[in-house]
Each structure stands twice: as structure tokens, then as C-alpha cells.
């Protein structure tokens, strides 16, 4: 019979899940903006202007998500939409570690 995973293994798995989710959200936001630009170009027959605008908008959204991730460690900032889930996970992890130590 196998032993259940330790709390540390569970925390590491959750951290990997949060990181994978952030990576997926960056990729999905870029793809949605580009596809939206392509569809608008086909509908309005303005190729390639909305596609280029979609690329630029997708890069801006991805840059904002990365900026929020970079600002996550600063104590004087409230977590925004992108980093709120990561902050919740980190507080649960620190609470579980302090309970295990005490």
C-alpha cells in the first residue's frame, strides 16, 4: 500500500498548478486578442490592421500579467486580479507551515 503524499508534496503540487495556470492565462490572452483581430479584419475587410492591433493588445495584457507577478513580493501593494489567487495560496501555505512548526 502506498503512503499518502506529505503536506509538502501537496503544497508543491499546488504551487506548480498556480504557475501553470498563470502561464496558460498569458498564452490564452495573447491568442484571444490575435484571433479577435483576425476575425475583425475578415469581417471589416481591413487586413492586417486589427490583427496587428490584436497582437499589440495581447502583448500589453501579457506584460501586465507579468508585471503583477513581479510586484507580488512587495508588501505595500494589494494583490490585483491576476495575483490574488497566488496570494491566497501563499497565505495558506505559510499558515500550514506555522501550525506544523508550533
PDB file of N, CA and C in Angstrom:
ATOM      1  N   UNK A   1       0.839  -1.184   0.000  1.00  0.00           N
ATOM      2  CA  UNK A   1       0.000   0.000   0.000  1.00  0.00           C
ATOM      3  C   UNK A   1       0.885   1.247   0.000  1.00  0.00           C
ATOM      4  N   UNK A   2       0.527   2.235  -0.798  1.00  0.00           N
ATOM      5  CA  UNK A   2       1.331   3.450  -0.903  1.00  0.00           C
ATOM      6  C   UNK A   2       0.980   4.423   0.210  1.00  0.00           C
ATOM      7  N   UNK A   3       1.999   5.172   0.643  1.00  0.00           N
ATOM      8  CA  UNK A   3       1.766   6.221   1.629  1.00  0.00           C
ATOM      9  C   UNK A   3       1.129   7.427   0.950  1.00  0.00           C
ATOM     10  N   UNK A   4       0.232   8.140   1.628  1.00  0.00           N
ATOM     11  CA  UNK A   4      -0.344   9.347   1.031  1.00  0.00           C
ATOM     12  C   UNK A   4       0.734  10.419   0.903  1.00  0.00           C
ATOM     13  N   UNK A   5       0.560  11.356  -0.018  1.00  0.00           N
ATOM     14  CA  UNK A   5       1.568  12.408  -0.176  1.00  0.00           C
ATOM     15  C   UNK A   5       1.643  13.271   1.081  1.00  0.00           C
ATOM     16  N   UNK A   6       2.851  13.737   1.354  1.00  0.00           N
ATOM     17  CA  UNK A   6       3.041  14.589   2.526  1.00  0.00           C
ATOM     18  C   UNK A   6       2.460  15.979   2.251  1.00  0.00           C
ATOM     19  N   UNK A   7       2.229  16.785   3.303  1.00  0.00           N
ATOM     20  CA  UNK A   7       1.734  18.150   3.089  1.00  0.00           C
ATOM     21  C   UNK A   7       2.673  18.986   2.231  1.00  0.00           C
ATOM     22  N   UNK A   8       3.978  18.734   2.319  1.00  0.00           N
ATOM     23  CA  UNK A   8       4.934  19.475   1.491  1.00  0.00           C
ATOM     24  C   UNK A   8       4.729  19.132   0.026  1.00  0.00           C
ATOM     25  N   UNK A   9       4.519  17.849  -0.277  1.00  0.00           N
ATOM     26  CA  UNK A   9       4.267  17.444  -1.659  1.00  0.00           C
ATOM     27  C   UNK A   9       2.983  18.080  -2.183  1.00  0.00           C
ATOM     28  N   UNK A  10       1.952  18.154  -1.354  1.00  0.00           N
ATOM     29  CA  UNK A  10       0.698  18.793  -1.757  1.00  0.00           C
ATOM     30  C   UNK A  10       0.908  20.271  -2.036  1.00  0.00           C
ATOM     31  N   UNK A  11       1.687  20.948  -1.183  1.00  0.00           N
ATOM     32  CA  UNK A  11       1.960  22.371  -1.393  1.00  0.00           C
ATOM     33  C   UNK A  11       2.733  22.600  -2.682  1.00  0.00           C
ATOM     34  N   UNK A  12       3.710  21.740  -2.951  1.00  0.00           N
ATOM     35  CA  UNK A  12       4.477  21.872  -4.190  1.00  0.00           C
ATOM     36  C   UNK A  12       3.592  21.650  -5.412  1.00  0.00           C
ATOM     37  N   UNK A  13       2.695  20.703  -5.318  1.00  0.00           N
ATOM     38  CA  UNK A  13       1.776  20.451  -6.425  1.00  0.00           C
ATOM     39  C   UNK A  13       0.851  21.647  -6.647  1.00  0.00           C
ATOM     40  N   UNK A  14       0.382  22.242  -5.558  1.00  0.00           N
ATOM     41  CA  UNK A  14      -0.471  23.436  -5.696  1.00  0.00           C
ATOM     42  C   UNK A  14       0.299  24.594  -6.312  1.00  0.00           C
ATOM     43  N   UNK A  15       1.558  24.787  -5.886  1.00  0.00           N
ATOM     44  CA  UNK A  15       2.379  25.868  -6.443  1.00  0.00           C
ATOM     45  C   UNK A  15       2.602  25.659  -7.940  1.00  0.00           C
ATOM     46  N   UNK A  16       2.848  24.413  -8.339  1.00  0.00           N
ATOM     47  CA  UNK A  16       3.017  24.113  -9.761  1.00  0.00           C
ATOM     48  C   UNK A  16       1.718  24.383 -10.519  1.00  0.00           C
ATOM     49  N   UNK A  17       0.596  24.071  -9.909  1.00  0.00           N
ATOM     50  CA  UNK A  17      -0.694  24.337 -10.538  1.00  0.00           C
ATOM     51  C   UNK A  17      -0.959  25.819 -10.722  1.00  0.00           C
ATOM     52  N   UNK A  18      -0.613  26.619  -9.722  1.00  0.00           N
ATOM     53  CA  UNK A  18      -0.790  28.076  -9.823  1.00  0.00           C
ATOM     54  C   UNK A  18       0.106  28.634 -10.920  1.00  0.00           C
ATOM     55  N   UNK A  19       1.360  28.175 -10.972  1.00  0.00           N
ATOM     56  CA  UNK A  19       2.285  28.653 -12.001  1.00  0.00           C
ATOM     57  C   UNK A  19       1.810  28.250 -13.396  1.00  0.00           C
ATOM     58  N   UNK A  20       1.338  27.032 -13.540  1.00  0.00           N
ATOM     59  CA  UNK A  20       0.822  26.578 -14.836  1.00  0.00           C
ATOM     60  C   UNK A  20      -0.415  27.380 -15.235  1.00  0.00           C
ATOM     61  N   UNK A  21      -1.262  27.684 -14.266  1.00  0.00           N
ATOM     62  CA  UNK A  21      -2.449  28.493 -14.553  1.00  0.00           C
ATOM     63  C   UNK A  21      -2.092  29.886 -15.015  1.00  0.00           C
ATOM     64  N   UNK A  22      -1.081  30.488 -14.399  1.00  0.00           N
ATOM     65  CA  UNK A  22      -0.646  31.820 -14.811  1.00  0.00           C
ATOM     66  C   UNK A  22      -0.067  31.774 -16.219  1.00  0.00           C
ATOM     67  N   UNK A  23       0.737  30.754 -16.501  1.00  0.00           N
ATOM     68  CA  UNK A  23       1.293  30.622 -17.847  1.00  0.00           C
ATOM     69  C   UNK A  23       0.211  30.436 -18.891  1.00  0.00           C
ATOM     70  N   UNK A  24      -0.773  29.625 -18.574  1.00  0.00           N
ATOM     71  CA  UNK A  24      -1.883  29.407 -19.508  1.00  0.00           C
ATOM     72  C   UNK A  24      -2.685  30.683 -19.721  1.00  0.00           C
ATOM     73  N   UNK A  25      -2.886  31.461 -18.660  1.00  0.00           N
ATOM     74  CA  UNK A  25      -3.661  32.697 -18.821  1.00  0.00           C
ATOM     75  C   UNK A  25      -2.928  33.700 -19.704  1.00  0.00           C
ATOM     76  N   UNK A  26      -1.609  33.720 -19.633  1.00  0.00           N
ATOM     77  CA  UNK A  26      -0.836  34.614 -20.503  1.00  0.00           C
ATOM     78  C   UNK A  26      -0.983  34.182 -21.956  1.00  0.00           C
ATOM     79  N   UNK A  27      -0.823  32.889 -22.221  1.00  0.00           N
ATOM     80  CA  UNK A  27      -0.927  32.377 -23.590  1.00  0.00           C
ATOM     81  C   UNK A  27      -2.333  32.568 -24.131  1.00  0.00           C
ATOM     82  N   UNK A  28      -3.338  32.275 -23.325  1.00  0.00           N
ATOM     83  CA  UNK A  28      -4.730  32.391 -23.778  1.00  0.00           C
ATOM     84  C   UNK A  28      -5.090  33.843 -24.077  1.00  0.00           C
ATOM     85  N   UNK A  29      -4.616  34.779 -23.251  1.00  0.00           N
ATOM     86  CA  UNK A  29      -4.945  36.187 -23.510  1.00  0.00           C
ATOM     87  C   UNK A  29      -4.326  36.660 -24.824  1.00  0.00           C
ATOM     88  N   UNK A  30      -3.116  36.216 -25.134  1.00  0.00           N
ATOM     89  CA  UNK A  30      -2.493  36.594 -26.406  1.00  0.00           C
ATOM     90  C   UNK A  30      -3.263  35.976 -27.574  1.00  0.00           C
ATOM     91  N   UNK A  31      -3.611  34.713 -27.455  1.00  0.00           N
ATOM     92  CA  UNK A  31      -4.332  34.031 -28.545  1.00  0.00           C
ATOM     93  C   UNK A  31      -5.691  34.663 -28.778  1.00  0.00           C
ATOM     94  N   UNK A  32      -6.422  34.978 -27.703  1.00  0.00           N
ATOM     95  CA  UNK A  32      -7.750  35.588 -27.852  1.00  0.00           C
ATOM     96  C   UNK A  32      -7.650  36.936 -28.553  1.00  0.00           C
ATOM     97  N   UNK A  33      -6.672  37.751 -28.172  1.00  0.00           N
ATOM     98  CA  UNK A  33      -6.530  39.067 -28.805  1.00  0.00           C
ATOM     99  C   UNK A  33      -6.170  38.944 -30.286  1.00  0.00           C
ATOM    100  N   UNK A  34      -5.275  38.014 -30.620  1.00  0.00           N
ATOM    101  CA  UNK A  34      -4.876  37.849 -32.024  1.00  0.00           C
ATOM    102  C   UNK A  34      -6.035  37.302 -32.851  1.00  0.00           C
ATOM    103  N   UNK A  35      -6.713  36.281 -32.345  1.00  0.00           N
ATOM    104  CA  UNK A  35      -7.844  35.704 -33.090  1.00  0.00           C
ATOM    105  C   UNK A  35      -8.956  36.736 -33.243  1.00  0.00           C
ATOM    106  N   UNK A  36      -9.198  37.525 -32.203  1.00  0.00           N
ATOM    107  CA  UNK A  36     -10.190  38.589 -32.311  1.00  0.00           C
ATOM    108  C   UNK A  36      -9.828  39.596 -33.394  1.00  0.00           C
ATOM    109  N   UNK A  37      -8.548  39.943 -33.471  1.00  0.00           N
ATOM    110  CA  UNK A  37      -8.101  40.858 -34.527  1.00  0.00           C
ATOM    111  C   UNK A  37      -8.269  40.266 -35.914  1.00  0.00           C
ATOM    112  N   UNK A  38      -7.951  38.977 -36.062  1.00  0.00           N
ATOM    113  CA  UNK A  38      -8.115  38.309 -37.362  1.00  0.00           C
ATOM    114  C   UNK A  38      -9.584  38.285 -37.772  1.00  0.00           C
ATOM    115  N   UNK A  39     -10.458  37.958 -36.829  1.00  0.00           N
ATOM    116  CA  UNK A  39     -11.896  37.908 -37.141  1.00  0.00           C
ATOM    117  C   UNK A  39     -12.436  39.291 -37.510  1.00  0.00           C
ATOM    118  N   UNK A  40     -11.998  40.305 -36.779  1.00  0.00           N
ATOM    119  CA  UNK A  40     -12.439  41.667 -37.128  1.00  0.00           C
ATOM    120  C   UNK A  40     -11.925  42.079 -38.503  1.00  0.00           C
ATOM    121  N   UNK A  41     -10.693  41.720 -38.826  1.00  0.00           N
ATOM    122  CA  UNK A  41     -10.153  42.033 -40.154  1.00  0.00           C
ATOM    123  C   UNK A  41     -10.951  41.351 -41.257  1.00  0.00           C
ATOM    124  N   UNK A  42     -11.320  40.095 -41.044  1.00  0.00           N
ATOM    125  CA  UNK A  42     -12.114  39.395 -42.061  1.00  0.00           C
ATOM    126  C   UNK A  42     -13.502  40.007 -42.194  1.00  0.00           C
ATOM    127  N   UNK A  43     -14.098  40.376 -41.087  1.00  0.00           N
ATOM    128  CA  UNK A  43     -15.453  40.923 -41.104  1.00  0.00           C
ATOM    129  C   UNK A  43     -15.492  42.321 -41.723  1.00  0.00           C
ATOM    130  N   UNK A  44     -14.514  43.166 -41.363  1.00  0.00           N
ATOM    131  CA  UNK A  44     -14.495  44.549 -41.845  1.00  0.00           C
ATOM    132  C   UNK A  44     -13.630  44.754 -43.081  1.00  0.00           C
ATOM    133  N   UNK A  45     -12.947  43.685 -43.533  1.00  0.00           N
ATOM    134  CA  UNK A  45     -12.048  43.739 -44.691  1.00  0.00           C
ATOM    135  C   UNK A  45     -11.006  44.844 -44.535  1.00  0.00           C
ATOM    136  N   UNK A  46     -10.335  44.831 -43.393  1.00  0.00           N
ATOM    137  CA  UNK A  46      -9.328  45.852 -43.112  1.00  0.00           C
ATOM    138  C   UNK A  46      -7.944  45.239 -42.863  1.00  0.00           C
ATOM    139  N   UNK A  47      -7.719  44.051 -43.375  1.00  0.00           N
ATOM    140  CA  UNK A  47      -6.483  43.315 -43.103  1.00  0.00           C
ATOM    141  C   UNK A  47      -5.258  44.184 -43.382  1.00  0.00           C
ATOM    142  N   UNK A  48      -4.289  44.192 -42.581  1.00  0.00           N
ATOM    143  CA  UNK A  48      -3.931  43.484 -41.353  1.00  0.00           C
ATOM    144  C   UNK A  48      -4.083  44.330 -40.105  1.00  0.00           C
ATOM    145  N   UNK A  49      -4.843  45.416 -40.139  1.00  0.00           N
ATOM    146  CA  UNK A  49      -4.813  46.406 -39.064  1.00  0.00           C
ATOM    147  C   UNK A  49      -5.322  45.876 -37.731  1.00  0.00           C
ATOM    148  N   UNK A  50      -6.448  45.215 -37.722  1.00  0.00           N
ATOM    149  CA  UNK A  50      -6.967  44.703 -36.445  1.00  0.00           C
ATOM    150  C   UNK A  50      -6.149  43.515 -35.936  1.00  0.00           C
ATOM    151  N   UNK A  51      -5.540  42.770 -36.864  1.00  0.00           N
ATOM    152  CA  UNK A  51      -4.650  41.688 -36.434  1.00  0.00           C
ATOM    153  C   UNK A  51      -3.446  42.264 -35.711  1.00  0.00           C
ATOM    154  N   UNK A  52      -2.871  43.302 -36.266  1.00  0.00           N
ATOM    155  CA  UNK A  52      -1.728  43.955 -35.608  1.00  0.00           C
ATOM    156  C   UNK A  52      -2.144  44.573 -34.280  1.00  0.00           C
ATOM    157  N   UNK A  53      -3.325  45.153 -34.245  1.00  0.00           N
ATOM    158  CA  UNK A  53      -3.833  45.713 -33.002  1.00  0.00           C
ATOM    159  C   UNK A  53      -4.056  44.602 -31.972  1.00  0.00           C
ATOM    160  N   UNK A  54      -4.541  43.446 -32.413  1.00  0.00           N
ATOM    161  CA  UNK A  54      -4.727  42.307 -31.521  1.00  0.00           C
ATOM    162  C   UNK A  54      -3.402  41.806 -30.965  1.00  0.00           C
ATOM    163  N   UNK A  55      -2.370  41.764 -31.808  1.00  0.00           N
ATOM    164  CA  UNK A  55      -1.042  41.361 -31.340  1.00  0.00           C
ATOM    165  C   UNK A  55      -0.549  42.326 -30.270  1.00  0.00           C
ATOM    166  N   UNK A  56      -0.675  43.625 -30.552  1.00  0.00           N
ATOM    167  CA  UNK A  56      -0.216  44.636 -29.591  1.00  0.00           C
ATOM    168  C   UNK A  56      -1.004  44.540 -28.286  1.00  0.00           C
ATOM    169  N   UNK A  57      -2.314  44.405 -28.383  1.00  0.00           N
ATOM    170  CA  UNK A  57      -3.142  44.302 -27.186  1.00  0.00           C
ATOM    171  C   UNK A  57      -2.814  43.038 -26.390  1.00  0.00           C
ATOM    172  N   UNK A  58      -2.600  41.928 -27.084  1.00  0.00           N
ATOM    173  CA  UNK A  58      -2.231  40.683 -26.411  1.00  0.00           C
ATOM    174  C   UNK A  58      -0.910  40.816 -25.673  1.00  0.00           C
ATOM    175  N   UNK A  59       0.063  41.474 -26.279  1.00  0.00           N
ATOM    176  CA  UNK A  59       1.353  41.680 -25.620  1.00  0.00           C
ATOM    177  C   UNK A  59       1.228  42.603 -24.418  1.00  0.00           C
ATOM    178  N   UNK A  60       0.368  43.607 -24.518  1.00  0.00           N
ATOM    179  CA  UNK A  60       0.148  44.515 -23.385  1.00  0.00           C
ATOM    180  C   UNK A  60      -0.495  43.767 -22.222  1.00  0.00           C
ATOM    181  N   UNK A  61      -1.486  42.930 -22.510  1.00  0.00           N
ATOM    182  CA  UNK A  61      -2.150  42.158 -21.462  1.00  0.00           C
ATOM    183  C   UNK A  61      -1.167  41.184 -20.817  1.00  0.00           C
ATOM    184  N   UNK A  62      -0.350  40.513 -21.630  1.00  0.00           N
ATOM    185  CA  UNK A  62       0.640  39.580 -21.091  1.00  0.00           C
ATOM    186  C   UNK A  62       1.682  40.332 -20.249  1.00  0.00           C
ATOM    187  N   UNK A  63       2.099  41.496 -20.696  1.00  0.00           N
ATOM    188  CA  UNK A  63       3.067  42.291 -19.933  1.00  0.00           C
ATOM    189  C   UNK A  63       2.471  42.727 -18.600  1.00  0.00           C
ATOM    190  N   UNK A  64       1.190  43.075 -18.589  1.00  0.00           N
ATOM    191  CA  UNK A  64       0.535  43.458 -17.337  1.00  0.00           C
ATOM    192  C   UNK A  64       0.495  42.281 -16.367  1.00  0.00           C
ATOM    193  N   UNK A  65       0.189  41.101 -16.884  1.00  0.00           N
ATOM    194  CA  UNK A  65       0.152  39.923 -16.017  1.00  0.00           C
ATOM    195  C   UNK A  65       1.531  39.640 -15.430  1.00  0.00           C
ATOM    196  N   UNK A  66       2.569  39.767 -16.232  1.00  0.00           N
ATOM    197  CA  UNK A  66       3.926  39.553 -15.726  1.00  0.00           C
ATOM    198  C   UNK A  66       4.331  40.647 -14.739  1.00  0.00           C
ATOM    199  N   UNK A  67       3.888  41.885 -14.983  1.00  0.00           N
ATOM    200  CA  UNK A  67       4.165  42.987 -14.062  1.00  0.00           C
ATOM    201  C   UNK A  67       3.528  42.712 -12.701  1.00  0.00           C
ATOM    202  N   UNK A  68       2.284  42.271 -12.709  1.00  0.00           N
ATOM    203  CA  UNK A  68       1.612  41.946 -11.450  1.00  0.00           C
ATOM    204  C   UNK A  68       2.333  40.833 -10.708  1.00  0.00           C
ATOM    205  N   UNK A  69       2.824  39.855 -11.441  1.00  0.00           N
ATOM    206  CA  UNK A  69       3.575  38.772 -10.819  1.00  0.00           C
ATOM    207  C   UNK A  69       4.876  39.303 -10.210  1.00  0.00           C
ATOM    208  N   UNK A  70       5.542  40.218 -10.886  1.00  0.00           N
ATOM    209  CA  UNK A  70       6.782  40.794 -10.371  1.00  0.00           C
ATOM    210  C   UNK A  70       6.532  41.648  -9.131  1.00  0.00           C
ATOM    211  N   UNK A  71       5.401  42.308  -9.053  1.00  0.00           N
ATOM    212  CA  UNK A  71       5.084  43.173  -7.924  1.00  0.00           C
ATOM    213  C   UNK A  71       4.508  42.397  -6.736  1.00  0.00           C
ATOM    214  N   UNK A  72       4.317  41.108  -6.892  1.00  0.00           N
ATOM    215  CA  UNK A  72       3.691  40.286  -5.866  1.00  0.00           C
ATOM    216  C   UNK A  72       4.461  40.305  -4.553  1.00  0.00           C
ATOM    217  N   UNK A  73       5.776  40.379  -4.596  1.00  0.00           N
ATOM    218  CA  UNK A  73       6.582  40.311  -3.385  1.00  0.00           C
ATOM    219  C   UNK A  73       6.620  41.589  -2.572  1.00  0.00           C
ATOM    220  N   UNK A  74       6.129  42.682  -3.104  1.00  0.00           N
ATOM    221  CA  UNK A  74       6.178  43.939  -2.373  1.00  0.00           C
ATOM    222  C   UNK A  74       5.051  43.998  -1.357  1.00  0.00           C
ATOM    223  N   UNK A  75       5.415  44.300  -0.107  1.00  0.00           N
ATOM    224  CA  UNK A  75       4.440  44.249   0.986  1.00  0.00           C
ATOM    225  C   UNK A  75       3.458  45.413   0.981  1.00  0.00           C
ATOM    226  N   UNK A  76       3.814  46.534   0.390  1.00  0.00           N
ATOM    227  CA  UNK A  76       2.945  47.706   0.430  1.00  0.00           C
ATOM    228  C   UNK A  76       1.899  47.711  -0.688  1.00  0.00           C
ATOM    229  N   UNK A  77       1.823  46.652  -1.487  1.00  0.00           N
ATOM    230  CA  UNK A  77       0.860  46.593  -2.597  1.00  0.00           C
ATOM    231  C   UNK A  77      -0.216  45.556  -2.335  1.00  0.00           C
ATOM    232  N   UNK A  78      -1.423  45.921  -2.623  1.00  0.00           N
ATOM    233  CA  UNK A  78      -2.538  44.986  -2.567  1.00  0.00           C
ATOM    234  C   UNK A  78      -2.489  44.102  -3.811  1.00  0.00           C
ATOM    235  N   UNK A  79      -2.810  42.812  -3.684  1.00  0.00           N
ATOM    236  CA  UNK A  79      -2.828  41.956  -4.875  1.00  0.00           C
ATOM    237  C   UNK A  79      -3.965  42.357  -5.814  1.00  0.00           C
ATOM    238  N   UNK A  80      -3.680  42.347  -7.097  1.00  0.00           N
ATOM    239  CA  UNK A  80      -4.680  42.686  -8.113  1.00  0.00           C
ATOM    240  C   UNK A  80      -5.335  41.403  -8.611  1.00  0.00           C
ATOM    241  N   UNK A  81      -6.098  41.507  -9.662  1.00  0.00           N
ATOM    242  CA  UNK A  81      -6.877  40.394 -10.177  1.00  0.00           C
ATOM    243  C   UNK A  81      -5.991  39.198 -10.526  1.00  0.00           C
ATOM    244  N   UNK A  82      -4.869  39.446 -11.155  1.00  0.00           N
ATOM    245  CA  UNK A  82      -4.005  38.367 -11.629  1.00  0.00           C
ATOM    246  C   UNK A  82      -3.355  37.617 -10.482  1.00  0.00           C
ATOM    247  N   UNK A  83      -2.916  38.328  -9.455  1.00  0.00           N
ATOM    248  CA  UNK A  83      -2.122  37.715  -8.393  1.00  0.00           C
ATOM    249  C   UNK A  83      -2.907  37.389  -7.132  1.00  0.00           C
ATOM    250  N   UNK A  84      -4.191  37.615  -7.128  1.00  0.00           N
ATOM    251  CA  UNK A  84      -4.992  37.359  -5.933  1.00  0.00           C
ATOM    252  C   UNK A  84      -4.975  35.886  -5.532  1.00  0.00           C
ATOM    253  N   UNK A  85      -5.086  34.990  -6.501  1.00  0.00           N
ATOM    254  CA  UNK A  85      -5.082  33.558  -6.214  1.00  0.00           C
ATOM    255  C   UNK A  85      -3.727  33.111  -5.669  1.00  0.00           C
ATOM    256  N   UNK A  86      -2.650  33.640  -6.204  1.00  0.00           N
ATOM    257  CA  UNK A  86      -1.317  33.282  -5.724  1.00  0.00           C
ATOM    258  C   UNK A  86      -1.141  33.745  -4.286  1.00  0.00           C
ATOM    259  N   UNK A  87      -1.644  34.919  -3.958  1.00  0.00           N
ATOM    260  CA  UNK A  87      -1.544  35.435  -2.600  1.00  0.00           C
ATOM    261  C   UNK A  87      -2.322  34.551  -1.632  1.00  0.00           C
ATOM    262  N   UNK A  88      -3.517  34.114  -2.027  1.00  0.00           N
ATOM    263  CA  UNK A  88      -4.300  33.211  -1.183  1.00  0.00           C
ATOM    264  C   UNK A  88      -3.547  31.915  -0.930  1.00  0.00           C
ATOM    265  N   UNK A  89      -2.944  31.382  -1.975  1.00  0.00           N
ATOM    266  CA  UNK A  89      -2.197  30.133  -1.832  1.00  0.00           C
ATOM    267  C   UNK A  89      -1.005  30.328  -0.897  1.00  0.00           C
ATOM    268  N   UNK A  90      -0.281  31.420  -1.052  1.00  0.00           N
ATOM    269  CA  UNK A  90       0.901  31.662  -0.219  1.00  0.00           C
ATOM    270  C   UNK A  90       0.515  31.829   1.244  1.00  0.00           C
ATOM    271  N   UNK A  91      -0.601  32.496   1.528  1.00  0.00           N
ATOM    272  CA  UNK A  91      -1.005  32.671   2.925  1.00  0.00           C
ATOM    273  C   UNK A  91      -1.443  31.344   3.534  1.00  0.00           C
ATOM    274  N   UNK A  92      -2.118  30.492   2.764  1.00  0.00           N
ATOM    275  CA  UNK A  92      -2.492  29.161   3.270  1.00  0.00           C
ATOM    276  C   UNK A  92      -1.252  28.334   3.556  1.00  0.00           C
ATOM    277  N   UNK A  93      -0.267  28.433   2.679  1.00  0.00           N
ATOM    278  CA  UNK A  93       0.960  27.656   2.845  1.00  0.00           C
ATOM    279  C   UNK A  93       1.729  28.099   4.081  1.00  0.00           C
ATOM    280  N   UNK A  94       1.839  29.404   4.303  1.00  0.00           N
ATOM    281  CA  UNK A  94       2.572  29.884   5.479  1.00  0.00           C
ATOM    282  C   UNK A  94       1.813  29.549   6.758  1.00  0.00           C
ATOM    283  N   UNK A  95       0.482  29.576   6.710  1.00  0.00           N
ATOM    284  CA  UNK A  95      -0.301  29.211   7.886  1.00  0.00           C
ATOM    285  C   UNK A  95      -0.138  27.729   8.216  1.00  0.00           C
ATOM    286  N   UNK A  96      -0.102  26.874   7.199  1.00  0.00           N
ATOM    287  CA  UNK A  96       0.048  25.436   7.451  1.00  0.00           C
ATOM    288  C   UNK A  96       1.446  25.111   7.963  1.00  0.00           C
ATOM    289  N   UNK A  97       2.458  25.837   7.494  1.00  0.00           N
ATOM    290  CA  UNK A  97       3.820  25.612   7.982  1.00  0.00           C
ATOM    291  C   UNK A  97       3.963  26.063   9.427  1.00  0.00           C
ATOM    292  N   UNK A  98       3.375  27.223   9.783  1.00  0.00           N
ATOM    293  CA  UNK A  98       3.491  27.696  11.154  1.00  0.00           C
ATOM    294  C   UNK A  98       2.720  26.800  12.120  1.00  0.00           C
ATOM    295  N   UNK A  99       1.622  26.226  11.677  1.00  0.00           N
ATOM    296  CA  UNK A  99       0.864  25.307  12.530  1.00  0.00           C
ATOM    297  C   UNK A  99       1.651  24.008  12.728  1.00  0.00           C
ATOM    298  N   UNK A 100       2.350  23.561  11.700  1.00  0.00           N
ATOM    299  CA  UNK A 100       3.134  22.323  11.801  1.00  0.00           C
ATOM    300  C   UNK A 100       4.364  22.538  12.680  1.00  0.00           C
ATOM    301  N   UNK A 101       4.936  23.757  12.635  1.00  0.00           N
ATOM    302  CA  UNK A 101       6.113  24.052  13.458  1.00  0.00           C
ATOM    303  C   UNK A 101       5.747  24.233  14.923  1.00  0.00           C
ATOM    304  N   UNK A 102       4.551  24.724  15.183  1.00  0.00           N
ATOM    305  CA  UNK A 102       4.156  25.072  16.561  1.00  0.00           C
ATOM    306  C   UNK A 102       3.569  23.975  17.292  1.00  0.00           C
TER     307      UNK A 102
END
